[in-house]
Amino acid sequence: MNSQQKTKLLVVEDDPGLQRQLKWALDDFEVECAASRDEALAVARRFEPPIVLQDLGLPPDPDGVEEGFATITDLLRIAPQTKIIVVTGREGREHALRAIRLGAYDFCQKPVDLSVLSLIIDRARRIHELEVENRRLADSRPASALDGVIAASEPMLKVCRLVQKLAPTQATVLLLGESGTGKERLAQALHSLSSRANRPMVAINCAAIPENLLESELFGYERGAFTGAVKQTRGKIETADGGTLFLDEIGDMPLALQSKLLRFVQERVIERVGGRELIPVDVRIIAATHQDLKAAILARTFREDLFYRISEVTVTIPPLRERGADSVLIANYLLQEACKRHGKAQMKLAPDAIAAIEHYRWPGNVRELENRVNSAAIMAEGKLVTAEDLTLEEPGADAVILPLREVRQRAESAAIHRALAISGGNVSKAAELLGVSRPTLYDLLERMPNATAGS
């Protein structure tokens, strides 16, 4: 193997003898050495080493650890994907754990066992290569209308498959789901995957506009129709001509206005407020609500005939608490997005945060999760976001305990769905991520008839 093919590795160690020993032992790598924080940062800026092997005791405080911790923080700021392996004395386990909380990948104790160190470095190299490949695939993958809809659980995968099936049609779709489940994002996907994608999708929240203004917002108005109507104005329906009209929270629409909307849905013509002209409008209608419309019909607050007109096909979006491991996948995604947005180095979820996310009921669904993760990304110190940062309680010993077989089946199913999602359905790449052979993954998929994969 020539030097151009070797993985770069940075050794941060102030002992020249140990530098030489490590450089000799790690001849499969292109090794650079640094004896101080400034030297290490200079090397890292030159080539962003995939792997760093670092002592905590560095000048000007070789007998302390604070300079070492500062070096870890600075290195990860320059090269956030770098895997830092900390070398500590046997009495320094607490220091090693602190280093990991700051974002170090692993640690190795002194005196260094070269065979153990080689295993740790090799594992770090493989993980770094996988992460690089995943980012390359993500960057090269064409944008999809369902990008941003993170689904590994079967309930949400069914929703995504239904959206893809409905999008090319002209069916009027009713999206049902609790607040914060992503109804508007799925409405956007229905529009973007349709033949109307090059025309506008116009959204109106029926619950956010006062009753006396909602009619003119929807249907527009003629000049002089009411005080302040100084010019003819098109409404949301007319603006959406040729595209898609998204009626969000339609369950909150006033009963008096529902009859006028029903006429439009049936005849696809409107009259502006204060006008007499019948204006034809070609739109596809997507409606959404968190309300129980059948209960509203019984309570006479929603028209039954309108319900049947807007619900040619109904899509029910499961709440986050019924989506299994999706909550952690979404939290990881939101955390990385928040770090980019706030200009912070990449962070990770601590084990207690993952457990808390999995056990919390999420009454506010994805919207609540996004708010908590965004706040935690701003307030957290170090490289790990904890349950405390998320203002969640770590689940105690009284958490529900499932039979071991069921736990294994759920974990296996979630891992396979996640790997297939990350790899875009490519079985070979998914098998590599899972650490199993392709035939083994096919055997597992046969026991999961709802799983889908590409070649």
Foldseek 3Di string as FASTA:
>chain_A
DDQVPFAEEEEADQDVVVVVVVCVLVVSHNYDYHQFLVRVLVVCLVPVGQEYEYEQQGPPGNPDRPRSLVSLLSSCLSRVNHAYEYEEAPVCVVVQVVSVLQPHNYYAYPPGDSVVVVVVVVVSVVVSVLVVVLVVCVVPDDDALCPVVQALFPLVVVLVVVLLVQLQDLAQEEEEEAAQLCPVSSVSNSQCNYPLNVADEFEDEQQPDDLVCVQCQAAWAADPLDPPRNHGDGHRQQSRASGAYEYEACLPHAPVCLVQVLVCLVPQWGAHRVGDDTHHGDYRYYYYHHDPVVVCVVVVRHPPSSVCSNPPDYRYRYFPLPRALSQQVLLQVLLQVLCVVVVHRAAEEDPQLSQQSNQDNPSNGNVLSNVLSNQLSVPPPRRYRYCVSSVTGRDDPPPDDDPPVVVVVSVVSSLLSVLCVSVVQALCSSCVVVVHHSVVVVVVVVVVVVDGGDD
